[in-house]
Amino acid sequence: MSPRQAPSIDITSGLMLLLLAAVWGGSFFFAEIALREVPPLTITLHRVFWAVPILVIVVFWQGIEIPKSIQAWFCYLGMGALNNAIPFSLIFWGQTNMESGLASILNGTTAVFGAVVAGIFLIDEPLTTRKIVGAVFGVVGVAVIMGLDALTDFDPRNLAQLAVLGAALSYAFASVWAKRYLSSYPPVMNALGMLIGSTVLMFPIAFLVDGIPVLALSKGVWASLIAIAILSTALAYLLYFKILARAGSANLMLVTLLIPPFAIGLGVVFLGETLTIEALLGFIIIAMGLVITDGRLLRALSNKIKSRG
């Protein structure tokens, strides 16, 4: 296999990728239910706090050594902020003014932003013309979703959309942070350290803004909070690193295209949500941006045309 060629996806990896998309897509659905009784920052706290014990069990079961250096835990704190505390809070707040499906579509810009941010800050991932064109498609897709009136008229809905885009950008910086500062540690330990870091950050923030969490919640809301922590966070990160090892980061990026259909489907079937034509068109344009950024489909088409010629 050449250095430029990504590992292929076997059936097991493909099914794991679909499962990852389902549990991550489900996070938007679970959050929508939890928001009926729990404020956004407290949902973030629940999401990271309840996921920690699961990963603690996995780390000890696998016999992974827990880092003892202050530097390592400072890096985990930074990762927890960039990959959990900031984006989760922005997405959940954004969902107070928009549908879960639309939030998942805007979150789909993560991979495109990630390629650009990595190109700027990482020497071994240069900013190519292909990545720039992919980013342009991503921006156009967002513009189609938000509409031209977003530039002239203040609307809380537009502010919510910007919050979700801010979350996508935070995820992009988290990828750079992880590659620079966490690549020498075991992946599962990185997930645990990150979640502990985000929990430490969210306890004072959630208490200060939302007050002491209310525990007298309905069964449906509690079920959603546990599901978003165990399925959409703990299980999701275990799947993420397993797929990364089996199929590589390029194939893992495909999950970005698979998350919105799951989130949209759950929102339409169980929450009665509807999406505008602009939102669906924007998703198609953003997806095209990701395809261009990835480059493999375009190379395959080019090679097929050349072989016929």
Protein backbone atom coordinates (compact mmCIF):
# COMPACT_ATOMS: atom_id res chain seq x y z
CA MET A 1 0.00 0.00 0.00
CA SER A 2 1.44 3.39 -1.00
CA PRO A 3 1.77 6.20 1.60
CA ARG A 4 -0.98 8.14 -0.14
CA GLN A 5 -3.44 5.26 -0.19
CA ALA A 6 -5.86 4.98 2.73
CA PRO A 7 -6.59 1.58 4.25
CA SER A 8 -9.67 -0.07 2.79
CA ILE A 9 -12.87 -0.54 4.76
CA ASP A 10 -13.84 -4.16 5.41
CA ILE A 11 -17.36 -5.21 6.35
CA THR A 12 -16.66 -5.07 10.10
CA SER A 13 -15.15 -1.58 9.87
CA GLY A 14 -18.06 -0.44 7.72
CA LEU A 15 -20.60 -1.67 10.26
CA MET A 16 -18.64 -0.04 13.07
CA LEU A 17 -18.61 3.20 11.08
CA LEU A 18 -22.39 3.05 10.71
CA LEU A 19 -22.78 2.36 14.43
CA LEU A 20 -20.53 5.31 15.26
CA ALA A 21 -22.60 7.54 12.99
CA ALA A 22 -25.77 6.28 14.67
CA VAL A 23 -24.61 6.96 18.25
CA TRP A 24 -23.14 10.35 17.32
CA GLY A 25 -26.22 11.22 15.30
CA GLY A 26 -28.29 10.11 18.28
CA SER A 27 -26.54 12.67 20.49
CA PHE A 28 -28.49 15.46 18.77
CA PHE A 29 -31.73 13.57 19.35
CA PHE A 30 -30.95 12.79 23.01
CA ALA A 31 -29.97 16.42 23.62
CA GLU A 32 -33.25 17.63 22.14
CA ILE A 33 -35.18 15.55 24.68
CA ALA A 34 -32.91 16.51 27.59
CA LEU A 35 -33.28 20.22 26.77
CA ARG A 36 -36.94 20.02 27.77
CA GLU A 37 -35.90 19.96 31.44
CA VAL A 38 -32.11 20.54 31.60
CA PRO A 39 -30.14 23.64 30.51
CA PRO A 40 -27.35 23.25 27.90
CA LEU A 41 -24.28 23.53 30.12
CA THR A 42 -25.66 21.02 32.60
CA ILE A 43 -26.31 18.57 29.75
CA THR A 44 -22.64 18.92 28.81
CA LEU A 45 -21.68 18.17 32.41
CA HIS A 46 -23.90 15.07 32.47
CA ARG A 47 -22.50 13.90 29.14
CA VAL A 48 -18.85 13.97 30.19
CA PHE A 49 -19.32 13.05 33.87
CA TRP A 50 -21.25 9.79 33.35
CA ALA A 51 -18.92 8.68 30.54
CA VAL A 52 -15.84 8.80 32.80
CA PRO A 53 -16.59 5.65 34.88
CA ILE A 54 -17.08 3.59 31.72
CA LEU A 55 -13.69 4.56 30.32
CA VAL A 56 -12.03 4.14 33.74
CA ILE A 57 -13.17 0.49 33.68
CA VAL A 58 -11.85 0.04 30.12
CA VAL A 59 -8.47 1.62 30.96
CA PHE A 60 -7.96 -0.59 34.03
CA TRP A 61 -9.26 -3.67 32.21
CA GLN A 62 -6.71 -3.13 29.41
CA GLY A 63 -3.94 -2.47 31.91
CA ILE A 64 -3.16 0.95 30.48
CA GLU A 65 -0.85 3.08 32.60
CA ILE A 66 -2.31 6.40 33.78
CA PRO A 67 0.08 9.33 33.19
CA LYS A 68 1.34 11.04 36.33
CA SER A 69 2.99 14.13 34.86
CA ILE A 70 1.41 17.57 35.25
CA GLN A 71 2.16 18.26 31.58
CA ALA A 72 0.07 15.29 30.45
CA TRP A 73 -2.93 16.38 32.49
CA PHE A 74 -2.58 19.96 31.30
CA CYS A 75 -2.76 18.59 27.75
CA TYR A 76 -5.85 16.56 28.67
CA LEU A 77 -7.42 19.69 30.13
CA GLY A 78 -6.84 21.54 26.87
CA MET A 79 -8.22 18.63 24.87
CA GLY A 80 -11.23 18.42 27.15
CA ALA A 81 -11.95 22.09 26.53
CA LEU A 82 -11.52 21.95 22.73
CA ASN A 83 -13.14 18.59 22.04
CA ASN A 84 -15.84 18.40 24.75
CA ALA A 85 -16.61 21.38 26.96
CA ILE A 86 -16.69 24.09 24.28
CA PRO A 87 -18.29 22.23 21.34
CA PHE A 88 -20.84 20.26 23.39
CA SER A 89 -21.99 23.43 25.16
CA LEU A 90 -22.24 25.41 21.90
CA ILE A 91 -24.17 22.66 20.12
CA PHE A 92 -26.62 22.13 22.99
CA TRP A 93 -27.20 25.87 23.30
CA GLY A 94 -27.64 26.09 19.54
CA GLN A 95 -30.28 23.37 19.68
CA THR A 96 -32.43 25.59 21.89
CA ASN A 97 -33.11 27.65 18.76
CA MET A 98 -32.88 25.10 15.95
CA GLU A 99 -33.76 21.54 14.96
CA SER A 100 -31.47 18.67 15.90
CA GLY A 101 -31.13 17.65 12.24
CA LEU A 102 -30.00 21.11 11.18
CA ALA A 103 -27.47 21.20 14.03
CA SER A 104 -26.01 17.91 12.78
CA ILE A 105 -25.72 19.29 9.24
CA LEU A 106 -23.82 22.36 10.38
CA ASN A 107 -21.66 20.17 12.56
CA GLY A 108 -20.75 18.34 9.34
CA THR A 109 -18.37 21.19 8.50
CA THR A 110 -15.98 19.79 11.13
CA ALA A 111 -13.99 17.68 8.66
CA VAL A 112 -13.64 20.54 6.18
CA PHE A 113 -12.57 22.99 8.90
CA GLY A 114 -10.24 20.33 10.30
CA ALA A 115 -8.40 19.96 7.00
CA VAL A 116 -7.83 23.71 6.76
CA VAL A 117 -6.79 24.16 10.40
CA ALA A 118 -4.40 21.19 10.13
CA GLY A 119 -3.00 22.65 6.93
CA ILE A 120 -2.22 25.90 8.71
CA PHE A 121 -0.78 24.52 11.96
CA LEU A 122 0.70 21.11 11.03
CA ILE A 123 3.77 20.86 8.78
CA ASP A 124 3.02 17.30 7.67
CA GLU A 125 -0.53 18.18 6.54
CA PRO A 126 0.00 21.09 4.11
CA LEU A 127 -2.85 23.33 2.99
CA THR A 128 -3.44 22.21 -0.58
CA THR A 129 -5.61 23.68 -3.31
CA ARG A 130 -8.00 20.76 -2.88
CA LYS A 131 -8.49 21.55 0.82
CA ILE A 132 -9.08 25.24 0.06
CA VAL A 133 -11.69 24.38 -2.59
CA GLY A 134 -13.36 21.97 -0.16
CA ALA A 135 -13.48 24.72 2.47
CA VAL A 136 -15.07 27.11 -0.04
CA PHE A 137 -17.79 24.53 -0.71
CA GLY A 138 -18.31 24.23 3.04
CA VAL A 139 -18.71 27.98 3.42
CA VAL A 140 -21.13 28.13 0.48
CA GLY A 141 -23.17 25.32 2.02
CA VAL A 142 -23.38 27.19 5.32
CA ALA A 143 -24.37 30.39 3.47
CA VAL A 144 -27.19 28.54 1.70
CA ILE A 145 -28.48 27.22 5.03
CA MET A 146 -28.30 30.54 6.87
CA GLY A 147 -29.52 32.69 3.96
CA LEU A 148 -28.43 36.14 2.85
CA ASP A 149 -30.72 37.83 5.39
CA ALA A 150 -28.37 36.59 8.13
CA LEU A 151 -26.02 39.39 7.13
CA THR A 152 -28.61 42.11 7.67
CA ASP A 153 -31.24 40.85 10.14
CA PHE A 154 -30.51 39.71 13.71
CA ASP A 155 -32.17 36.41 14.45
CA PRO A 156 -31.50 34.17 17.48
CA ARG A 157 -31.71 31.24 15.08
CA ASN A 158 -28.75 32.59 13.10
CA LEU A 159 -26.81 33.06 16.33
CA ALA A 160 -27.56 29.43 17.21
CA GLN A 161 -26.27 28.35 13.80
CA LEU A 162 -23.07 30.31 14.37
CA ALA A 163 -22.69 28.59 17.74
CA VAL A 164 -22.77 25.16 16.08
CA LEU A 165 -20.23 26.35 13.50
CA GLY A 166 -18.08 27.52 16.41
CA ALA A 167 -18.33 24.01 17.82
CA ALA A 168 -17.15 22.55 14.49
CA LEU A 169 -14.18 24.92 14.50
CA SER A 170 -13.37 23.91 18.09
CA TYR A 171 -13.36 20.25 17.02
CA ALA A 172 -10.93 21.18 14.23
CA PHE A 173 -8.50 22.77 16.67
CA ALA A 174 -8.91 19.75 18.98
CA SER A 175 -7.56 17.50 16.22
CA VAL A 176 -4.44 19.64 15.92
CA TRP A 177 -4.04 19.72 19.71
CA ALA A 178 -4.31 15.93 19.93
CA LYS A 179 -1.74 15.36 17.20
CA ARG A 180 0.73 17.79 18.75
CA TYR A 181 0.43 16.92 22.41
CA LEU A 182 -1.27 13.54 22.85
CA SER A 183 0.10 11.29 20.10
CA SER A 184 2.53 9.56 22.51
CA TYR A 185 -0.23 8.33 24.85
CA PRO A 186 -2.61 5.36 24.34
CA PRO A 187 -5.80 6.46 22.51
CA VAL A 188 -8.21 5.11 25.14
CA MET A 189 -6.23 6.91 27.86
CA ASN A 190 -6.48 10.08 25.80
CA ALA A 191 -10.26 9.69 25.71
CA LEU A 192 -10.42 9.17 29.48
CA GLY A 193 -8.03 12.03 30.23
CA MET A 194 -9.96 14.34 27.92
CA LEU A 195 -13.28 13.50 29.58
CA ILE A 196 -11.82 13.97 33.07
CA GLY A 197 -10.44 17.33 31.93
CA SER A 198 -13.79 18.44 30.52
CA THR A 199 -15.60 17.27 33.65
CA VAL A 200 -13.25 19.35 35.83
CA LEU A 201 -13.96 22.36 33.60
CA MET A 202 -17.72 21.90 33.41
CA PHE A 203 -18.43 21.44 37.12
CA PRO A 204 -17.75 25.09 38.11
CA ILE A 205 -19.05 26.51 34.82
CA ALA A 206 -22.36 24.63 34.91
CA PHE A 207 -22.88 25.33 38.65
CA LEU A 208 -22.12 29.03 38.14
CA VAL A 209 -24.37 29.53 35.10
CA ASP A 210 -27.14 26.96 35.59
CA GLY A 211 -27.00 26.42 39.34
CA ILE A 212 -26.98 23.09 41.18
CA PRO A 213 -28.22 20.36 38.80
CA VAL A 214 -31.80 19.25 39.40
CA LEU A 215 -32.05 15.50 39.85
CA ALA A 216 -35.85 15.29 39.93
CA LEU A 217 -36.18 14.75 36.18
CA SER A 218 -38.60 12.68 34.14
CA LYS A 219 -37.60 9.13 33.16
CA GLY A 220 -37.34 10.12 29.50
CA VAL A 221 -34.91 12.93 30.23
CA TRP A 222 -32.79 10.75 32.52
CA ALA A 223 -32.73 8.06 29.84
CA SER A 224 -31.55 10.64 27.30
CA LEU A 225 -28.81 11.94 29.61
CA ILE A 226 -27.51 8.43 30.29
CA ALA A 227 -27.74 7.53 26.61
CA ILE A 228 -25.83 10.60 25.49
CA ALA A 229 -23.10 9.82 28.04
CA ILE A 230 -22.77 6.07 27.61
CA LEU A 231 -23.71 5.59 23.94
CA SER A 232 -22.85 8.90 22.29
CA THR A 233 -19.69 9.53 24.32
CA ALA A 234 -18.08 6.50 26.02
CA LEU A 235 -19.05 3.92 23.38
CA ALA A 236 -18.51 6.44 20.58
CA TYR A 237 -14.90 7.12 21.56
CA LEU A 238 -14.15 3.40 21.88
CA LEU A 239 -15.59 2.86 18.38
CA TYR A 240 -13.72 5.91 17.08
CA PHE A 241 -10.29 4.62 18.08
CA LYS A 242 -11.08 1.07 16.98
CA ILE A 243 -12.07 2.25 13.50
CA LEU A 244 -9.05 4.55 13.39
CA ALA A 245 -6.76 1.56 14.00
CA ARG A 246 -8.55 -0.70 11.50
CA ALA A 247 -9.40 1.67 8.64
CA GLY A 248 -7.37 4.85 9.12
CA SER A 249 -8.26 8.51 9.60
CA ALA A 250 -9.28 9.11 5.98
CA ASN A 251 -12.01 6.46 6.13
CA LEU A 252 -13.01 7.58 9.63
CA MET A 253 -13.70 11.05 8.21
CA LEU A 254 -16.59 9.51 6.24
CA VAL A 255 -18.60 9.40 9.47
CA THR A 256 -19.14 13.15 8.99
CA LEU A 257 -21.38 12.37 6.02
CA LEU A 258 -23.27 9.63 7.84
CA ILE A 259 -24.18 11.49 11.05
CA PRO A 260 -26.79 13.94 9.61
CA PRO A 261 -29.02 11.24 8.05
CA PHE A 262 -29.28 9.49 11.43
CA ALA A 263 -29.92 12.75 13.30
CA ILE A 264 -32.43 13.97 10.72
CA GLY A 265 -34.24 10.62 10.67
CA LEU A 266 -34.59 10.51 14.45
CA GLY A 267 -35.76 14.12 14.53
CA VAL A 268 -38.37 13.61 11.82
CA VAL A 269 -39.74 10.29 13.15
CA PHE A 270 -39.75 10.95 16.91
CA LEU A 271 -39.72 14.74 17.29
CA GLY A 272 -41.82 15.81 14.32
CA GLU A 273 -39.06 18.03 12.98
CA THR A 274 -38.96 19.29 9.41
CA LEU A 275 -36.05 20.68 7.43
CA THR A 276 -36.15 23.34 4.75
CA ILE A 277 -35.00 22.82 1.18
CA GLU A 278 -32.17 25.27 1.94
CA ALA A 279 -30.94 23.04 4.78
CA LEU A 280 -30.92 19.91 2.62
CA LEU A 281 -29.25 21.75 -0.28
CA GLY A 282 -26.68 23.13 2.14
CA PHE A 283 -25.96 19.60 3.36
CA ILE A 284 -25.35 18.40 -0.20
CA ILE A 285 -22.91 21.28 -0.83
CA ILE A 286 -21.09 20.65 2.46
CA ALA A 287 -20.90 16.94 1.57
CA MET A 288 -19.39 17.87 -1.79
CA GLY A 289 -16.81 19.95 0.07
CA LEU A 290 -15.88 16.93 2.16
CA VAL A 291 -15.59 14.73 -0.94
CA ILE A 292 -13.26 17.30 -2.51
CA THR A 293 -11.24 17.60 0.70
CA ASP A 294 -10.88 13.81 0.94
CA GLY A 295 -9.93 13.55 -2.73
CA ARG A 296 -10.19 9.77 -3.13
CA LEU A 297 -13.46 9.73 -5.08
CA LEU A 298 -12.15 12.37 -7.49
CA ARG A 299 -8.91 10.40 -7.98
CA ALA A 300 -10.88 7.21 -8.62
CA LEU A 301 -13.03 8.96 -11.24
CA SER A 302 -9.95 10.49 -12.85
CA ASN A 303 -8.19 7.12 -13.03
CA LYS A 304 -11.30 5.50 -14.49
CA ILE A 305 -11.53 8.17 -17.20
CA LYS A 306 -7.82 7.76 -18.00
CA SER A 307 -8.11 3.97 -18.19
CA ARG A 308 -10.97 4.29 -20.68
CA GLY A 309 -8.98 6.78 -22.71
